[in-house]
N, C-alpha and C. Protein backbone atom coordinates (compact mmCIF):
# COMPACT_ATOMS: atom_id res chain seq x y z
N MET A 1 20.62 25.19 10.18
CA MET A 1 20.06 25.61 11.45
C MET A 1 19.73 24.38 12.29
N GLN A 2 20.08 24.42 13.56
CA GLN A 2 19.78 23.34 14.49
C GLN A 2 18.96 23.92 15.62
N LEU A 3 17.84 23.30 15.95
CA LEU A 3 17.00 23.74 17.04
C LEU A 3 17.59 23.27 18.37
N THR A 4 17.21 23.94 19.45
CA THR A 4 17.67 23.56 20.78
C THR A 4 16.47 23.29 21.66
N ARG A 5 16.47 22.11 22.30
CA ARG A 5 15.39 21.76 23.22
C ARG A 5 15.61 22.46 24.55
N SER A 6 14.51 22.79 25.21
CA SER A 6 14.61 23.49 26.48
C SER A 6 14.89 22.57 27.66
N GLY A 7 14.63 21.27 27.52
CA GLY A 7 14.83 20.36 28.65
C GLY A 7 15.25 18.99 28.19
N ASN A 8 15.44 18.08 29.11
CA ASN A 8 15.85 16.72 28.80
C ASN A 8 14.70 15.74 28.87
N GLU A 9 13.46 16.24 28.91
CA GLU A 9 12.31 15.37 29.08
C GLU A 9 11.95 14.57 27.82
N ASN A 10 12.48 14.94 26.70
CA ASN A 10 12.14 14.25 25.46
C ASN A 10 13.01 13.03 25.23
N VAL A 11 12.45 12.02 24.61
CA VAL A 11 13.17 10.81 24.25
C VAL A 11 14.07 11.12 23.06
N SER A 12 15.26 10.56 23.04
CA SER A 12 16.21 10.84 21.96
C SER A 12 15.66 10.39 20.61
N LEU A 13 16.14 11.03 19.58
CA LEU A 13 15.72 10.69 18.21
C LEU A 13 16.08 9.25 17.88
N ARG A 14 17.24 8.79 18.29
CA ARG A 14 17.63 7.39 18.02
C ARG A 14 16.67 6.40 18.66
N LYS A 15 16.16 6.71 19.83
CA LYS A 15 15.20 5.80 20.48
C LYS A 15 13.84 5.87 19.81
N ARG A 16 13.49 7.03 19.26
CA ARG A 16 12.21 7.16 18.56
C ARG A 16 12.25 6.56 17.17
N CYS A 17 13.47 6.38 16.62
CA CYS A 17 13.66 5.82 15.28
C CYS A 17 14.54 4.58 15.37
N PRO A 18 14.06 3.53 16.00
CA PRO A 18 14.92 2.36 16.21
C PRO A 18 15.13 1.54 14.94
N LEU A 19 16.24 0.82 14.95
CA LEU A 19 16.45 -0.21 13.93
C LEU A 19 15.60 -1.41 14.32
N LEU A 20 14.93 -1.99 13.36
CA LEU A 20 14.09 -3.16 13.58
C LEU A 20 14.75 -4.36 12.94
N SER A 21 14.76 -5.48 13.63
CA SER A 21 15.30 -6.73 13.09
C SER A 21 14.16 -7.69 12.83
N PHE A 22 14.15 -8.26 11.64
CA PHE A 22 13.11 -9.21 11.25
C PHE A 22 13.71 -10.60 11.22
N LYS A 23 12.93 -11.57 11.59
CA LYS A 23 13.42 -12.95 11.66
C LYS A 23 13.60 -13.54 10.27
N ASP A 24 14.71 -14.23 10.11
CA ASP A 24 14.97 -14.98 8.89
C ASP A 24 14.41 -16.38 9.12
N LEU A 25 13.33 -16.70 8.44
CA LEU A 25 12.67 -17.99 8.60
C LEU A 25 13.06 -18.97 7.50
N GLY A 26 14.16 -18.68 6.82
CA GLY A 26 14.58 -19.53 5.71
C GLY A 26 15.16 -20.84 6.17
N ASP A 27 15.37 -21.69 5.21
CA ASP A 27 15.98 -22.99 5.46
C ASP A 27 16.87 -23.32 4.27
N GLU A 28 17.16 -24.60 4.07
CA GLU A 28 18.06 -24.99 2.97
C GLU A 28 17.53 -24.60 1.60
N ARG A 29 16.25 -24.28 1.49
CA ARG A 29 15.67 -23.88 0.20
C ARG A 29 15.90 -22.41 -0.11
N GLY A 30 16.24 -21.61 0.92
CA GLY A 30 16.48 -20.20 0.69
C GLY A 30 16.01 -19.35 1.85
N LYS A 31 16.15 -18.06 1.71
CA LYS A 31 15.81 -17.11 2.76
C LYS A 31 14.33 -16.74 2.68
N LEU A 32 13.75 -16.46 3.85
CA LEU A 32 12.35 -16.03 3.94
C LEU A 32 12.23 -15.07 5.12
N VAL A 33 11.85 -13.84 4.84
CA VAL A 33 11.64 -12.83 5.88
C VAL A 33 10.18 -12.43 5.83
N VAL A 34 9.51 -12.50 6.99
CA VAL A 34 8.10 -12.13 7.08
C VAL A 34 7.98 -10.86 7.93
N ILE A 35 7.24 -9.88 7.42
CA ILE A 35 7.00 -8.63 8.15
C ILE A 35 5.50 -8.43 8.23
N GLU A 36 4.97 -8.49 9.45
CA GLU A 36 3.53 -8.33 9.65
C GLU A 36 3.26 -7.00 10.35
N GLY A 37 2.31 -6.23 9.78
CA GLY A 37 1.92 -4.97 10.37
C GLY A 37 1.32 -5.18 11.75
N GLY A 38 1.68 -4.30 12.69
CA GLY A 38 1.18 -4.40 14.04
C GLY A 38 1.90 -5.44 14.88
N ILE A 39 2.78 -6.23 14.27
CA ILE A 39 3.55 -7.25 15.00
C ILE A 39 5.04 -6.94 14.85
N ALA A 40 5.57 -7.07 13.65
CA ALA A 40 7.00 -6.81 13.42
C ALA A 40 7.28 -5.31 13.32
N ILE A 41 6.26 -4.54 12.98
CA ILE A 41 6.39 -3.08 12.91
C ILE A 41 5.24 -2.47 13.73
N PRO A 42 5.41 -1.23 14.20
CA PRO A 42 4.45 -0.67 15.14
C PRO A 42 3.19 -0.04 14.54
N PHE A 43 2.80 -0.46 13.36
CA PHE A 43 1.56 0.05 12.76
C PHE A 43 1.02 -0.95 11.75
N GLU A 44 -0.23 -0.77 11.39
CA GLU A 44 -0.83 -1.56 10.31
C GLU A 44 -0.39 -0.96 8.98
N ILE A 45 -0.03 -1.79 8.05
CA ILE A 45 0.49 -1.33 6.76
C ILE A 45 -0.68 -0.94 5.84
N LYS A 46 -0.66 0.30 5.34
CA LYS A 46 -1.68 0.78 4.41
C LYS A 46 -1.12 0.99 3.00
N ARG A 47 0.22 1.14 2.91
CA ARG A 47 0.82 1.42 1.60
C ARG A 47 2.21 0.82 1.56
N VAL A 48 2.57 0.28 0.41
CA VAL A 48 3.90 -0.29 0.18
C VAL A 48 4.42 0.28 -1.13
N PHE A 49 5.66 0.76 -1.12
CA PHE A 49 6.30 1.16 -2.37
C PHE A 49 7.79 0.90 -2.25
N TYR A 50 8.49 0.92 -3.37
CA TYR A 50 9.92 0.73 -3.33
C TYR A 50 10.60 1.65 -4.32
N ILE A 51 11.84 1.96 -3.98
CA ILE A 51 12.68 2.85 -4.77
C ILE A 51 13.84 2.03 -5.32
N TYR A 52 14.05 2.08 -6.62
CA TYR A 52 15.17 1.37 -7.21
C TYR A 52 15.69 2.14 -8.40
N ASP A 53 16.85 1.75 -8.90
CA ASP A 53 17.49 2.38 -10.06
C ASP A 53 17.81 3.85 -9.80
N SER A 54 18.15 4.18 -8.55
CA SER A 54 18.59 5.54 -8.20
C SER A 54 20.10 5.60 -8.22
N ASP A 55 20.64 6.68 -8.69
CA ASP A 55 22.09 6.87 -8.70
C ASP A 55 22.60 7.16 -7.29
N ALA A 56 23.88 6.91 -7.09
CA ALA A 56 24.50 7.13 -5.79
C ALA A 56 24.42 8.59 -5.35
N ASP A 57 24.37 9.53 -6.30
CA ASP A 57 24.34 10.94 -5.93
C ASP A 57 22.94 11.54 -5.84
N VAL A 58 21.91 10.72 -6.01
CA VAL A 58 20.52 11.17 -5.91
C VAL A 58 20.09 11.17 -4.45
N ILE A 59 19.36 12.21 -4.04
CA ILE A 59 18.78 12.26 -2.70
C ILE A 59 17.27 12.15 -2.84
N ARG A 60 16.70 11.13 -2.20
CA ARG A 60 15.26 10.90 -2.22
C ARG A 60 14.69 11.30 -0.87
N GLY A 61 13.38 11.29 -0.77
CA GLY A 61 12.73 11.66 0.49
C GLY A 61 12.68 13.16 0.60
N GLN A 62 13.55 13.75 1.40
CA GLN A 62 13.62 15.19 1.64
C GLN A 62 12.26 15.73 2.07
N HIS A 63 11.69 15.08 3.09
CA HIS A 63 10.41 15.53 3.61
C HIS A 63 10.14 14.94 5.00
N ALA A 64 9.15 15.50 5.64
CA ALA A 64 8.57 14.94 6.87
C ALA A 64 7.09 14.78 6.61
N ASN A 65 6.45 13.97 7.41
CA ASN A 65 5.02 13.72 7.26
C ASN A 65 4.29 14.06 8.54
N LYS A 66 3.18 14.74 8.40
CA LYS A 66 2.38 15.14 9.56
C LYS A 66 1.71 13.95 10.23
N ILE A 67 1.34 12.93 9.46
CA ILE A 67 0.56 11.81 9.98
C ILE A 67 1.26 10.47 9.77
N SER A 68 1.85 10.25 8.62
CA SER A 68 2.37 8.94 8.25
C SER A 68 3.59 8.52 9.06
N GLU A 69 3.66 7.21 9.33
CA GLU A 69 4.82 6.55 9.89
C GLU A 69 5.36 5.63 8.80
N PHE A 70 6.66 5.35 8.86
CA PHE A 70 7.29 4.53 7.83
C PHE A 70 8.26 3.52 8.44
N VAL A 71 8.48 2.43 7.73
CA VAL A 71 9.60 1.53 7.96
C VAL A 71 10.31 1.40 6.63
N LEU A 72 11.63 1.65 6.62
CA LEU A 72 12.45 1.56 5.42
C LEU A 72 13.36 0.34 5.54
N ILE A 73 13.40 -0.47 4.47
CA ILE A 73 14.19 -1.70 4.45
C ILE A 73 14.86 -1.81 3.09
N ASN A 74 16.18 -1.95 3.06
CA ASN A 74 16.84 -2.24 1.80
C ASN A 74 16.78 -3.75 1.58
N VAL A 75 15.89 -4.20 0.72
CA VAL A 75 15.75 -5.63 0.47
C VAL A 75 16.83 -6.14 -0.48
N ALA A 76 17.50 -5.23 -1.16
CA ALA A 76 18.66 -5.55 -2.00
C ALA A 76 19.59 -4.35 -1.98
N GLY A 77 20.87 -4.61 -2.06
CA GLY A 77 21.84 -3.52 -2.08
C GLY A 77 21.87 -2.76 -0.78
N LYS A 78 22.23 -1.48 -0.88
CA LYS A 78 22.31 -0.66 0.32
C LYS A 78 22.03 0.80 0.01
N SER A 79 21.67 1.53 1.05
CA SER A 79 21.49 2.97 0.97
C SER A 79 21.66 3.54 2.37
N LYS A 80 21.71 4.84 2.45
CA LYS A 80 21.80 5.53 3.75
C LYS A 80 20.56 6.38 3.94
N VAL A 81 20.21 6.57 5.21
CA VAL A 81 19.07 7.42 5.56
C VAL A 81 19.55 8.42 6.61
N ARG A 82 19.44 9.70 6.26
CA ARG A 82 19.71 10.75 7.25
C ARG A 82 18.39 11.07 7.91
N ILE A 83 18.38 11.05 9.23
CA ILE A 83 17.16 11.23 10.01
C ILE A 83 17.39 12.40 10.95
N THR A 84 16.45 13.36 10.96
CA THR A 84 16.58 14.51 11.86
C THR A 84 15.21 15.00 12.28
N ASP A 85 15.18 15.61 13.45
CA ASP A 85 13.97 16.28 13.91
C ASP A 85 14.24 17.77 14.13
N GLY A 86 15.38 18.24 13.64
CA GLY A 86 15.76 19.63 13.82
C GLY A 86 16.57 19.86 15.09
N TYR A 87 16.48 18.93 16.03
CA TYR A 87 17.23 19.00 17.28
C TYR A 87 18.43 18.05 17.24
N GLU A 88 18.18 16.84 16.75
CA GLU A 88 19.21 15.81 16.66
C GLU A 88 19.24 15.28 15.23
N GLU A 89 20.34 14.64 14.89
CA GLU A 89 20.47 14.06 13.56
C GLU A 89 21.38 12.84 13.64
N PHE A 90 21.04 11.81 12.88
CA PHE A 90 21.93 10.67 12.73
C PHE A 90 21.67 10.01 11.39
N THR A 91 22.60 9.14 10.99
CA THR A 91 22.51 8.45 9.71
C THR A 91 22.53 6.95 9.96
N VAL A 92 21.69 6.24 9.21
CA VAL A 92 21.61 4.79 9.26
C VAL A 92 21.99 4.25 7.89
N GLU A 93 22.82 3.21 7.86
CA GLU A 93 23.08 2.52 6.61
C GLU A 93 22.23 1.26 6.60
N LEU A 94 21.38 1.14 5.61
CA LEU A 94 20.53 -0.04 5.46
C LEU A 94 21.18 -0.94 4.43
N ASP A 95 21.61 -2.12 4.86
CA ASP A 95 22.34 -3.01 3.96
C ASP A 95 22.02 -4.49 4.18
N LYS A 96 20.96 -4.77 4.96
CA LYS A 96 20.54 -6.15 5.21
C LYS A 96 19.03 -6.25 5.04
N PRO A 97 18.54 -7.23 4.32
CA PRO A 97 17.10 -7.34 4.09
C PRO A 97 16.31 -7.74 5.34
N MET A 98 17.00 -8.02 6.44
CA MET A 98 16.32 -8.37 7.69
C MET A 98 16.34 -7.21 8.68
N THR A 99 16.77 -6.01 8.22
CA THR A 99 16.88 -4.85 9.10
C THR A 99 16.19 -3.66 8.45
N GLY A 100 15.40 -2.95 9.25
CA GLY A 100 14.75 -1.74 8.78
C GLY A 100 14.87 -0.66 9.83
N VAL A 101 14.48 0.54 9.46
CA VAL A 101 14.46 1.64 10.42
C VAL A 101 13.04 2.21 10.45
N TYR A 102 12.56 2.44 11.67
CA TYR A 102 11.23 3.01 11.89
C TYR A 102 11.35 4.53 11.91
N ILE A 103 10.50 5.20 11.13
CA ILE A 103 10.45 6.66 11.08
C ILE A 103 9.06 7.11 11.52
N PRO A 104 8.93 7.69 12.71
CA PRO A 104 7.61 8.16 13.16
C PRO A 104 7.19 9.45 12.44
N ARG A 105 5.99 9.87 12.70
CA ARG A 105 5.47 11.11 12.11
C ARG A 105 6.34 12.30 12.53
N MET A 106 6.40 13.32 11.72
CA MET A 106 7.11 14.56 11.98
C MET A 106 8.62 14.38 12.18
N VAL A 107 9.19 13.42 11.47
CA VAL A 107 10.64 13.25 11.44
C VAL A 107 11.10 13.38 9.98
N TRP A 108 12.09 14.21 9.75
CA TRP A 108 12.62 14.47 8.41
C TRP A 108 13.53 13.33 7.99
N LYS A 109 13.43 12.93 6.71
CA LYS A 109 14.26 11.85 6.20
C LYS A 109 14.78 12.16 4.81
N ASP A 110 16.06 11.82 4.61
CA ASP A 110 16.72 11.90 3.30
C ASP A 110 17.34 10.54 3.04
N MET A 111 17.03 9.93 1.90
CA MET A 111 17.63 8.67 1.51
C MET A 111 18.63 8.95 0.39
N TYR A 112 19.83 8.36 0.49
CA TYR A 112 20.88 8.69 -0.47
C TYR A 112 21.94 7.59 -0.50
N ASP A 113 22.95 7.80 -1.31
CA ASP A 113 24.09 6.87 -1.44
C ASP A 113 23.60 5.46 -1.80
N PHE A 114 22.73 5.39 -2.78
CA PHE A 114 22.16 4.11 -3.23
C PHE A 114 23.20 3.31 -4.01
N SER A 115 23.35 2.04 -3.69
CA SER A 115 24.19 1.17 -4.51
C SER A 115 23.46 0.88 -5.82
N ASN A 116 24.19 0.40 -6.83
CA ASN A 116 23.58 0.13 -8.14
C ASN A 116 22.43 -0.86 -8.05
N ASP A 117 22.51 -1.81 -7.11
CA ASP A 117 21.49 -2.85 -6.98
C ASP A 117 20.48 -2.58 -5.87
N SER A 118 20.46 -1.34 -5.37
CA SER A 118 19.59 -1.01 -4.24
C SER A 118 18.11 -1.09 -4.60
N VAL A 119 17.36 -1.76 -3.72
CA VAL A 119 15.90 -1.74 -3.76
C VAL A 119 15.46 -1.40 -2.34
N LEU A 120 14.98 -0.17 -2.16
CA LEU A 120 14.57 0.32 -0.85
C LEU A 120 13.06 0.17 -0.73
N LEU A 121 12.63 -0.76 0.12
CA LEU A 121 11.22 -1.02 0.36
C LEU A 121 10.74 -0.09 1.46
N VAL A 122 9.57 0.52 1.24
CA VAL A 122 9.00 1.44 2.23
C VAL A 122 7.59 0.96 2.58
N LEU A 123 7.36 0.77 3.87
CA LEU A 123 6.04 0.41 4.40
C LEU A 123 5.49 1.64 5.10
N ALA A 124 4.25 1.99 4.80
CA ALA A 124 3.67 3.22 5.34
C ALA A 124 2.37 2.93 6.09
N SER A 125 2.09 3.75 7.08
CA SER A 125 0.90 3.58 7.92
C SER A 125 -0.35 4.20 7.32
N THR A 126 -0.21 4.99 6.24
CA THR A 126 -1.35 5.67 5.63
C THR A 126 -1.33 5.52 4.12
N HIS A 127 -2.46 5.77 3.51
CA HIS A 127 -2.51 5.91 2.07
C HIS A 127 -1.90 7.26 1.72
N TYR A 128 -1.50 7.43 0.48
CA TYR A 128 -0.83 8.66 0.06
C TYR A 128 -1.78 9.84 0.13
N ASP A 129 -1.28 10.95 0.71
CA ASP A 129 -2.00 12.22 0.77
C ASP A 129 -0.95 13.32 0.68
N ALA A 130 -0.87 13.99 -0.45
CA ALA A 130 0.15 15.01 -0.68
C ALA A 130 0.08 16.14 0.35
N ASN A 131 -1.10 16.38 0.91
CA ASN A 131 -1.28 17.49 1.86
C ASN A 131 -0.60 17.26 3.20
N GLU A 132 -0.22 16.03 3.52
CA GLU A 132 0.41 15.78 4.82
C GLU A 132 1.93 15.78 4.74
N TYR A 133 2.48 16.09 3.57
CA TYR A 133 3.92 16.15 3.39
C TYR A 133 4.43 17.57 3.64
N ILE A 134 5.53 17.68 4.35
CA ILE A 134 6.25 18.95 4.51
C ILE A 134 7.54 18.78 3.73
N ARG A 135 7.67 19.52 2.63
CA ARG A 135 8.79 19.33 1.72
C ARG A 135 9.84 20.45 1.79
N ASP A 136 9.57 21.47 2.56
CA ASP A 136 10.50 22.58 2.73
C ASP A 136 11.12 22.47 4.13
N TYR A 137 12.45 22.30 4.18
CA TYR A 137 13.11 22.06 5.46
C TYR A 137 12.98 23.24 6.42
N ASP A 138 13.07 24.47 5.90
CA ASP A 138 12.93 25.65 6.76
C ASP A 138 11.52 25.73 7.35
N GLU A 139 10.52 25.41 6.56
CA GLU A 139 9.14 25.37 7.06
C GLU A 139 9.01 24.30 8.14
N TYR A 140 9.62 23.14 7.90
CA TYR A 140 9.61 22.05 8.88
C TYR A 140 10.20 22.51 10.21
N LEU A 141 11.35 23.18 10.16
CA LEU A 141 11.98 23.65 11.40
C LEU A 141 11.09 24.64 12.14
N LYS A 142 10.41 25.52 11.41
CA LYS A 142 9.50 26.49 12.04
C LYS A 142 8.35 25.78 12.74
N ILE A 143 7.81 24.74 12.10
CA ILE A 143 6.71 23.97 12.70
C ILE A 143 7.22 23.27 13.96
N MET A 144 8.37 22.64 13.88
CA MET A 144 8.93 21.93 15.03
C MET A 144 9.18 22.87 16.20
N GLU A 145 9.71 24.05 15.92
CA GLU A 145 9.98 25.00 16.97
C GLU A 145 8.69 25.56 17.57
N ALA A 146 7.73 25.89 16.71
CA ALA A 146 6.46 26.46 17.18
C ALA A 146 5.68 25.47 18.03
N GLU A 147 5.70 24.20 17.64
CA GLU A 147 4.94 23.19 18.37
C GLU A 147 5.77 22.52 19.46
N ASN A 148 7.06 22.93 19.56
CA ASN A 148 7.97 22.39 20.54
C ASN A 148 7.94 20.86 20.54
N LEU A 149 7.97 20.27 19.31
CA LEU A 149 7.93 18.82 19.16
C LEU A 149 9.30 18.20 19.42
């Protein structure tokens, strides 16, 4: 099911979920990437976790968050992220440790197609709270339509 917006007043999903580029501050000794909350990403970091040792056919995520914002970065290997708000959908391939994708609140995400060496780093704006997760896609679509988000 795909929702339909009533007007063109909303910003596109791609603009709301931009790719972020982080500076490589390395030198002859090696690579160095610094990511500072509120500077390189649009929120203060409250939680950090990473996903690794996932098979290529495993789908992670499969949820939206009522409050939390995220930045996803493949610091090793690669993976794909399907991003949708019920109205629009696109896929990002994360394959550079200096590139991440910003996921605002109330945006559905699926992470998949993990390479064998994939390490997907996730930076979050909140501490974990199971109550703010929407894990049923049909329920998510109903919320999006009802709130006209």
